[in-house]
PDB file of all heavy atoms in Angstrom:
ATOM      1  N   GLY A   1     -14.574  -2.800  -0.852  1.00  0.00           N
ATOM      2  CA  GLY A   1     -14.931  -1.548  -1.480  1.00  0.00           C
ATOM      3  C   GLY A   1     -15.066  -0.437  -0.466  1.00  0.00           C
ATOM      4  O   GLY A   1     -15.805   0.469  -0.663  1.00  0.00           O
ATOM      5  N   ALA A   2     -14.331  -0.536   0.667  1.00  0.00           N
ATOM      6  CA  ALA A   2     -14.466   0.467   1.713  1.00  0.00           C
ATOM      7  C   ALA A   2     -13.113   1.325   1.801  1.00  0.00           C
ATOM      8  O   ALA A   2     -12.059   0.838   1.390  1.00  0.00           O
ATOM      9  CB  ALA A   2     -14.680  -0.214   3.050  1.00  0.00           C
ATOM     10  N   SER A   3     -13.247   2.490   2.309  1.00  0.00           N
ATOM     11  CA  SER A   3     -12.085   3.306   2.590  1.00  0.00           C
ATOM     12  C   SER A   3     -11.647   3.023   4.084  1.00  0.00           C
ATOM     13  O   SER A   3     -12.488   2.629   4.900  1.00  0.00           O
ATOM     14  CB  SER A   3     -12.369   4.805   2.430  1.00  0.00           C
ATOM     15  OG  SER A   3     -13.471   5.169   3.250  1.00  0.00           O
ATOM     16  N   SER A   4     -10.441   3.267   4.375  1.00  0.00           N
ATOM     17  CA  SER A   4      -9.874   3.015   5.686  1.00  0.00           C
ATOM     18  C   SER A   4      -8.570   3.697   5.879  1.00  0.00           C
ATOM     19  O   SER A   4      -7.904   4.024   4.842  1.00  0.00           O
ATOM     20  CB  SER A   4      -9.785   1.482   5.929  1.00  0.00           C
ATOM     21  OG  SER A   4      -8.624   0.988   5.241  1.00  0.00           O
ATOM     22  N   PRO A   5      -8.144   3.929   7.090  1.00  0.00           N
ATOM     23  CA  PRO A   5      -6.784   4.463   7.331  1.00  0.00           C
ATOM     24  C   PRO A   5      -5.735   3.607   6.703  1.00  0.00           C
ATOM     25  O   PRO A   5      -4.665   4.154   6.234  1.00  0.00           O
ATOM     26  CB  PRO A   5      -6.663   4.512   8.826  1.00  0.00           C
ATOM     27  CG  PRO A   5      -8.069   4.561   9.337  1.00  0.00           C
ATOM     28  CD  PRO A   5      -8.872   3.793   8.324  1.00  0.00           C
ATOM     29  N   ALA A   6      -5.892   2.260   6.649  1.00  0.00           N
ATOM     30  CA  ALA A   6      -4.886   1.412   6.053  1.00  0.00           C
ATOM     31  C   ALA A   6      -4.805   1.672   4.509  1.00  0.00           C
ATOM     32  O   ALA A   6      -3.645   1.724   3.977  1.00  0.00           O
ATOM     33  CB  ALA A   6      -5.233  -0.036   6.338  1.00  0.00           C
ATOM     34  N   VAL A   7      -5.910   1.861   3.884  1.00  0.00           N
ATOM     35  CA  VAL A   7      -5.835   2.195   2.405  1.00  0.00           C
ATOM     36  C   VAL A   7      -5.191   3.504   2.188  1.00  0.00           C
ATOM     37  O   VAL A   7      -4.390   3.662   1.266  1.00  0.00           O
ATOM     38  CB  VAL A   7      -7.310   2.256   1.839  1.00  0.00           C
ATOM     39  CG1 VAL A   7      -7.242   2.707   0.412  1.00  0.00           C
ATOM     40  CG2 VAL A   7      -7.921   0.843   1.963  1.00  0.00           C
ATOM     41  N   ASP A   8      -5.497   4.503   3.020  1.00  0.00           N
ATOM     42  CA  ASP A   8      -4.788   5.824   2.920  1.00  0.00           C
ATOM     43  C   ASP A   8      -3.297   5.711   3.149  1.00  0.00           C
ATOM     44  O   ASP A   8      -2.503   6.302   2.437  1.00  0.00           O
ATOM     45  CB  ASP A   8      -5.329   6.752   3.978  1.00  0.00           C
ATOM     46  CG  ASP A   8      -6.840   7.128   3.734  1.00  0.00           C
ATOM     47  OD1 ASP A   8      -7.290   6.913   2.636  1.00  0.00           O
ATOM     48  OD2 ASP A   8      -7.499   7.495   4.670  1.00  0.00           O
ATOM     49  N   ARG A   9      -2.915   4.772   4.056  1.00  0.00           N
ATOM     50  CA  ARG A   9      -1.463   4.562   4.263  1.00  0.00           C
ATOM     51  C   ARG A   9      -0.819   3.936   3.099  1.00  0.00           C
ATOM     52  O   ARG A   9       0.313   4.309   2.714  1.00  0.00           O
ATOM     53  CB  ARG A   9      -1.312   3.669   5.545  1.00  0.00           C
ATOM     54  CG  ARG A   9       0.153   3.323   5.844  1.00  0.00           C
ATOM     55  CD  ARG A   9       0.992   4.587   6.106  1.00  0.00           C
ATOM     56  NE  ARG A   9       2.412   4.213   6.279  1.00  0.00           N
ATOM     57  CZ  ARG A   9       2.942   3.745   7.386  1.00  0.00           C
ATOM     58  NH1 ARG A   9       2.211   3.533   8.446  1.00  0.00           N
ATOM     59  NH2 ARG A   9       4.195   3.533   7.430  1.00  0.00           N
ATOM     60  N   ILE A  10      -1.544   2.970   2.441  1.00  0.00           N
ATOM     61  CA  ILE A  10      -0.947   2.300   1.240  1.00  0.00           C
ATOM     62  C   ILE A  10      -0.781   3.379   0.112  1.00  0.00           C
ATOM     63  O   ILE A  10       0.198   3.295  -0.638  1.00  0.00           O
ATOM     64  CB  ILE A  10      -1.905   1.195   0.799  1.00  0.00           C
ATOM     65  CG1 ILE A  10      -1.910   0.089   1.793  1.00  0.00           C
ATOM     66  CG2 ILE A  10      -1.421   0.634  -0.565  1.00  0.00           C
ATOM     67  CD1 ILE A  10      -0.517  -0.490   2.108  1.00  0.00           C
ATOM     68  N   ALA A  11      -1.728   4.339  -0.019  1.00  0.00           N
ATOM     69  CA  ALA A  11      -1.604   5.353  -1.035  1.00  0.00           C
ATOM     70  C   ALA A  11      -0.426   6.178  -0.759  1.00  0.00           C
ATOM     71  O   ALA A  11       0.439   6.522  -1.685  1.00  0.00           O
ATOM     72  CB  ALA A  11      -2.807   6.224  -1.112  1.00  0.00           C
ATOM     73  N   ILE A  12      -0.079   6.492   0.489  1.00  0.00           N
ATOM     74  CA  ILE A  12       1.126   7.235   0.802  1.00  0.00           C
ATOM     75  C   ILE A  12       2.328   6.485   0.555  1.00  0.00           C
ATOM     76  O   ILE A  12       3.316   6.996   0.076  1.00  0.00           O
ATOM     77  CB  ILE A  12       1.066   7.743   2.370  1.00  0.00           C
ATOM     78  CG1 ILE A  12      -0.150   8.688   2.631  1.00  0.00           C
ATOM     79  CG2 ILE A  12       2.318   8.313   2.824  1.00  0.00           C
ATOM     80  CD1 ILE A  12      -0.350   9.012   4.016  1.00  0.00           C
ATOM     81  N   GLU A  13       2.272   5.227   0.875  1.00  0.00           N
ATOM     82  CA  GLU A  13       3.414   4.358   0.671  1.00  0.00           C
ATOM     83  C   GLU A  13       3.774   4.255  -0.795  1.00  0.00           C
ATOM     84  O   GLU A  13       4.941   4.249  -1.195  1.00  0.00           O
ATOM     85  CB  GLU A  13       3.140   2.918   1.237  1.00  0.00           C
ATOM     86  CG  GLU A  13       3.280   2.854   2.758  1.00  0.00           C
ATOM     87  CD  GLU A  13       4.662   2.957   3.230  1.00  0.00           C
ATOM     88  OE1 GLU A  13       5.602   2.310   2.609  1.00  0.00           O
ATOM     89  OE2 GLU A  13       4.946   3.562   4.224  1.00  0.00           O
ATOM     90  N   LEU A  14       2.757   4.169  -1.636  1.00  0.00           N
ATOM     91  CA  LEU A  14       2.956   4.067  -3.096  1.00  0.00           C
ATOM     92  C   LEU A  14       3.717   5.302  -3.623  1.00  0.00           C
ATOM     93  O   LEU A  14       4.567   5.223  -4.491  1.00  0.00           O
ATOM     94  CB  LEU A  14       1.643   4.015  -3.792  1.00  0.00           C
ATOM     95  CG  LEU A  14       1.003   2.580  -3.735  1.00  0.00           C
ATOM     96  CD1 LEU A  14      -0.439   2.651  -4.249  1.00  0.00           C
ATOM     97  CD2 LEU A  14       1.762   1.551  -4.571  1.00  0.00           C
ATOM     98  N   ARG A  15       3.508   6.473  -2.952  1.00  0.00           N
ATOM     99  CA  ARG A  15       4.174   7.706  -3.377  1.00  0.00           C
ATOM    100  C   ARG A  15       5.539   7.804  -2.828  1.00  0.00           C
ATOM    101  O   ARG A  15       6.456   8.377  -3.428  1.00  0.00           O
ATOM    102  CB  ARG A  15       3.333   8.965  -2.981  1.00  0.00           C
ATOM    103  CG  ARG A  15       1.960   9.021  -3.607  1.00  0.00           C
ATOM    104  CD  ARG A  15       1.359  10.383  -3.422  1.00  0.00           C
ATOM    105  NE  ARG A  15       1.133  10.746  -2.071  1.00  0.00           N
ATOM    106  CZ  ARG A  15       0.008  10.486  -1.331  1.00  0.00           C
ATOM    107  NH1 ARG A  15      -1.000   9.871  -1.931  1.00  0.00           N
ATOM    108  NH2 ARG A  15      -0.126  10.893  -0.106  1.00  0.00           N
ATOM    109  N   GLN A  16       5.750   7.236  -1.578  1.00  0.00           N
ATOM    110  CA  GLN A  16       7.011   7.528  -0.866  1.00  0.00           C
ATOM    111  C   GLN A  16       7.926   6.347  -0.881  1.00  0.00           C
ATOM    112  O   GLN A  16       9.165   6.531  -0.904  1.00  0.00           O
ATOM    113  CB  GLN A  16       6.725   7.913   0.619  1.00  0.00           C
ATOM    114  CG  GLN A  16       5.918   9.267   0.674  1.00  0.00           C
ATOM    115  CD  GLN A  16       5.637   9.627   2.109  1.00  0.00           C
ATOM    116  OE1 GLN A  16       5.895   8.865   3.055  1.00  0.00           O
ATOM    117  NE2 GLN A  16       5.037  10.888   2.279  1.00  0.00           N
ATOM    118  N   HIS A  17       7.413   5.144  -0.761  1.00  0.00           N
ATOM    119  CA  HIS A  17       8.215   3.916  -0.672  1.00  0.00           C
ATOM    120  C   HIS A  17       7.629   2.866  -1.576  1.00  0.00           C
ATOM    121  O   HIS A  17       7.160   1.772  -1.163  1.00  0.00           O
ATOM    122  CB  HIS A  17       8.269   3.399   0.819  1.00  0.00           C
ATOM    123  CG  HIS A  17       8.797   4.406   1.774  1.00  0.00           C
ATOM    124  ND1 HIS A  17      10.091   4.759   1.874  1.00  0.00           N
ATOM    125  CD2 HIS A  17       8.106   5.166   2.662  1.00  0.00           C
ATOM    126  CE1 HIS A  17      10.208   5.657   2.783  1.00  0.00           C
ATOM    127  NE2 HIS A  17       9.017   5.931   3.274  1.00  0.00           N
ATOM    128  N   THR A  18       7.598   3.177  -2.844  1.00  0.00           N
ATOM    129  CA  THR A  18       6.824   2.303  -3.836  1.00  0.00           C
ATOM    130  C   THR A  18       7.386   0.885  -3.831  1.00  0.00           C
ATOM    131  O   THR A  18       6.584  -0.044  -3.832  1.00  0.00           O
ATOM    132  CB  THR A  18       7.022   2.861  -5.287  1.00  0.00           C
ATOM    133  OG1 THR A  18       6.763   4.330  -5.148  1.00  0.00           O
ATOM    134  CG2 THR A  18       6.065   2.247  -6.206  1.00  0.00           C
ATOM    135  N   GLY A  19       8.664   0.703  -3.842  1.00  0.00           N
ATOM    136  CA  GLY A  19       9.201  -0.593  -3.892  1.00  0.00           C
ATOM    137  C   GLY A  19       8.838  -1.470  -2.717  1.00  0.00           C
ATOM    138  O   GLY A  19       8.533  -2.684  -2.848  1.00  0.00           O
ATOM    139  N   ARG A  20       8.825  -0.881  -1.513  1.00  0.00           N
ATOM    140  CA  ARG A  20       8.564  -1.573  -0.313  1.00  0.00           C
ATOM    141  C   ARG A  20       7.095  -2.067  -0.293  1.00  0.00           C
ATOM    142  O   ARG A  20       6.850  -3.245  -0.087  1.00  0.00           O
ATOM    143  CB  ARG A  20       8.775  -0.719   0.942  1.00  0.00           C
ATOM    144  CG  ARG A  20       8.402  -1.334   2.229  1.00  0.00           C
ATOM    145  CD  ARG A  20       8.859  -0.591   3.406  1.00  0.00           C
ATOM    146  NE  ARG A  20       8.154   0.742   3.540  1.00  0.00           N
ATOM    147  CZ  ARG A  20       8.399   1.624   4.507  1.00  0.00           C
ATOM    148  NH1 ARG A  20       9.402   1.407   5.381  1.00  0.00           N
ATOM    149  NH2 ARG A  20       7.694   2.700   4.601  1.00  0.00           N
ATOM    150  N   VAL A  21       6.171  -1.201  -0.593  1.00  0.00           N
ATOM    151  CA  VAL A  21       4.757  -1.603  -0.528  1.00  0.00           C
ATOM    152  C   VAL A  21       4.421  -2.488  -1.673  1.00  0.00           C
ATOM    153  O   VAL A  21       3.607  -3.461  -1.578  1.00  0.00           O
ATOM    154  CB  VAL A  21       3.833  -0.323  -0.521  1.00  0.00           C
ATOM    155  CG1 VAL A  21       3.858   0.387  -1.853  1.00  0.00           C
ATOM    156  CG2 VAL A  21       2.420  -0.702  -0.229  1.00  0.00           C
ATOM    157  N   ALA A  22       5.060  -2.341  -2.862  1.00  0.00           N
ATOM    158  CA  ALA A  22       4.808  -3.199  -3.946  1.00  0.00           C
ATOM    159  C   ALA A  22       5.247  -4.593  -3.644  1.00  0.00           C
ATOM    160  O   ALA A  22       4.498  -5.564  -3.957  1.00  0.00           O
ATOM    161  CB  ALA A  22       5.505  -2.642  -5.228  1.00  0.00           C
ATOM    162  N   TRP A  23       6.387  -4.753  -3.051  1.00  0.00           N
ATOM    163  CA  TRP A  23       6.911  -6.040  -2.729  1.00  0.00           C
ATOM    164  C   TRP A  23       5.966  -6.792  -1.679  1.00  0.00           C
ATOM    165  O   TRP A  23       5.677  -7.932  -1.862  1.00  0.00           O
ATOM    166  CB  TRP A  23       8.361  -5.978  -2.143  1.00  0.00           C
ATOM    167  CG  TRP A  23       8.984  -7.256  -1.941  1.00  0.00           C
ATOM    168  CD1 TRP A  23       9.771  -7.908  -2.877  1.00  0.00           C
ATOM    169  CD2 TRP A  23       9.079  -8.038  -0.750  1.00  0.00           C
ATOM    170  NE1 TRP A  23      10.240  -9.108  -2.323  1.00  0.00           N
ATOM    171  CE2 TRP A  23       9.850  -9.179  -1.038  1.00  0.00           C
ATOM    172  CE3 TRP A  23       8.509  -7.858   0.542  1.00  0.00           C
ATOM    173  CZ2 TRP A  23      10.077 -10.166  -0.117  1.00  0.00           C
ATOM    174  CZ3 TRP A  23       8.817  -8.869   1.461  1.00  0.00           C
ATOM    175  CH2 TRP A  23       9.533  -9.947   1.143  1.00  0.00           C
ATOM    176  N   LYS A  24       5.504  -6.061  -0.740  1.00  0.00           N
ATOM    177  CA  LYS A  24       4.600  -6.668   0.281  1.00  0.00           C
ATOM    178  C   LYS A  24       3.237  -6.990  -0.301  1.00  0.00           C
ATOM    179  O   LYS A  24       2.662  -8.017  -0.021  1.00  0.00           O
ATOM    180  CB  LYS A  24       4.442  -5.703   1.497  1.00  0.00           C
ATOM    181  CG  LYS A  24       5.730  -5.611   2.323  1.00  0.00           C
ATOM    182  CD  LYS A  24       5.485  -4.983   3.668  1.00  0.00           C
ATOM    183  CE  LYS A  24       6.734  -5.063   4.522  1.00  0.00           C
ATOM    184  NZ  LYS A  24       6.468  -4.697   5.928  1.00  0.00           N
ATOM    185  N   LEU A  25       2.673  -6.142  -1.186  1.00  0.00           N
ATOM    186  CA  LEU A  25       1.481  -6.410  -1.795  1.00  0.00           C
ATOM    187  C   LEU A  25       1.540  -7.652  -2.717  1.00  0.00           C
ATOM    188  O   LEU A  25       0.555  -8.479  -2.688  1.00  0.00           O
ATOM    189  CB  LEU A  25       0.962  -5.252  -2.576  1.00  0.00           C
ATOM    190  CG  LEU A  25       0.521  -4.039  -1.773  1.00  0.00           C
ATOM    191  CD1 LEU A  25       0.324  -2.799  -2.714  1.00  0.00           C
ATOM    192  CD2 LEU A  25      -0.833  -4.378  -1.079  1.00  0.00           C
ATOM    193  N   LYS A  26       2.601  -7.850  -3.412  1.00  0.00           N
ATOM    194  CA  LYS A  26       2.772  -9.040  -4.246  1.00  0.00           C
ATOM    195  C   LYS A  26       2.686 -10.256  -3.439  1.00  0.00           C
ATOM    196  O   LYS A  26       2.115 -11.317  -3.802  1.00  0.00           O
ATOM    197  CB  LYS A  26       4.069  -8.911  -5.031  1.00  0.00           C
ATOM    198  CG  LYS A  26       4.165  -7.876  -6.178  1.00  0.00           C
ATOM    199  CD  LYS A  26       5.469  -7.914  -6.761  1.00  0.00           C
ATOM    200  CE  LYS A  26       5.656  -6.801  -7.838  1.00  0.00           C
ATOM    201  NZ  LYS A  26       6.953  -6.775  -8.385  1.00  0.00           N
ATOM    202  N   ARG A  27       3.324 -10.245  -2.269  1.00  0.00           N
ATOM    203  CA  ARG A  27       3.324 -11.459  -1.399  1.00  0.00           C
ATOM    204  C   ARG A  27       2.002 -11.725  -0.809  1.00  0.00           C
ATOM    205  O   ARG A  27       1.745 -12.934  -0.514  1.00  0.00           O
ATOM    206  CB  ARG A  27       4.401 -11.312  -0.343  1.00  0.00           C
ATOM    207  CG  ARG A  27       5.862 -11.287  -0.752  1.00  0.00           C
ATOM    208  CD  ARG A  27       6.707 -11.125   0.463  1.00  0.00           C
ATOM    209  NE  ARG A  27       6.507 -12.163   1.468  1.00  0.00           N
ATOM    210  CZ  ARG A  27       6.167 -11.934   2.686  1.00  0.00           C
ATOM    211  NH1 ARG A  27       6.025 -10.673   3.177  1.00  0.00           N
ATOM    212  NH2 ARG A  27       5.876 -12.932   3.535  1.00  0.00           N
ATOM    213  N   ARG A  28       1.125 -10.767  -0.617  1.00  0.00           N
ATOM    214  CA  ARG A  28      -0.064 -10.921   0.125  1.00  0.00           C
ATOM    215  C   ARG A  28      -1.231 -11.277  -0.775  1.00  0.00           C
ATOM    216  O   ARG A  28      -2.244 -11.740  -0.244  1.00  0.00           O
ATOM    217  CB  ARG A  28      -0.341  -9.739   1.017  1.00  0.00           C
ATOM    218  CG  ARG A  28       0.657  -9.525   2.150  1.00  0.00           C
ATOM    219  CD  ARG A  28       0.603 -10.631   3.089  1.00  0.00           C
ATOM    220  NE  ARG A  28       1.513 -10.504   4.208  1.00  0.00           N
ATOM    221  CZ  ARG A  28       1.626 -11.353   5.207  1.00  0.00           C
ATOM    222  NH1 ARG A  28       0.815 -12.425   5.271  1.00  0.00           N
ATOM    223  NH2 ARG A  28       2.496 -11.183   6.204  1.00  0.00           N
ATOM    224  N   LEU A  29      -1.230 -10.774  -2.017  1.00  0.00           N
ATOM    225  CA  LEU A  29      -2.410 -10.956  -2.868  1.00  0.00           C
ATOM    226  C   LEU A  29      -2.459 -12.276  -3.566  1.00  0.00           C
ATOM    227  O   LEU A  29      -1.459 -12.744  -4.147  1.00  0.00           O
ATOM    228  CB  LEU A  29      -2.404  -9.774  -3.932  1.00  0.00           C
ATOM    229  CG  LEU A  29      -2.840  -8.437  -3.388  1.00  0.00           C
ATOM    230  CD1 LEU A  29      -2.513  -7.382  -4.259  1.00  0.00           C
ATOM    231  CD2 LEU A  29      -4.396  -8.466  -3.055  1.00  0.00           C
TER     232      LEU A  29
END
């Protein structure tokens, strides 16, 4: 439940490289 530079980066990735971050998140969760 914390904010972090990594969370901010994921938000940017969702806007700019959605497919890339989505694929990596699926593998990690």
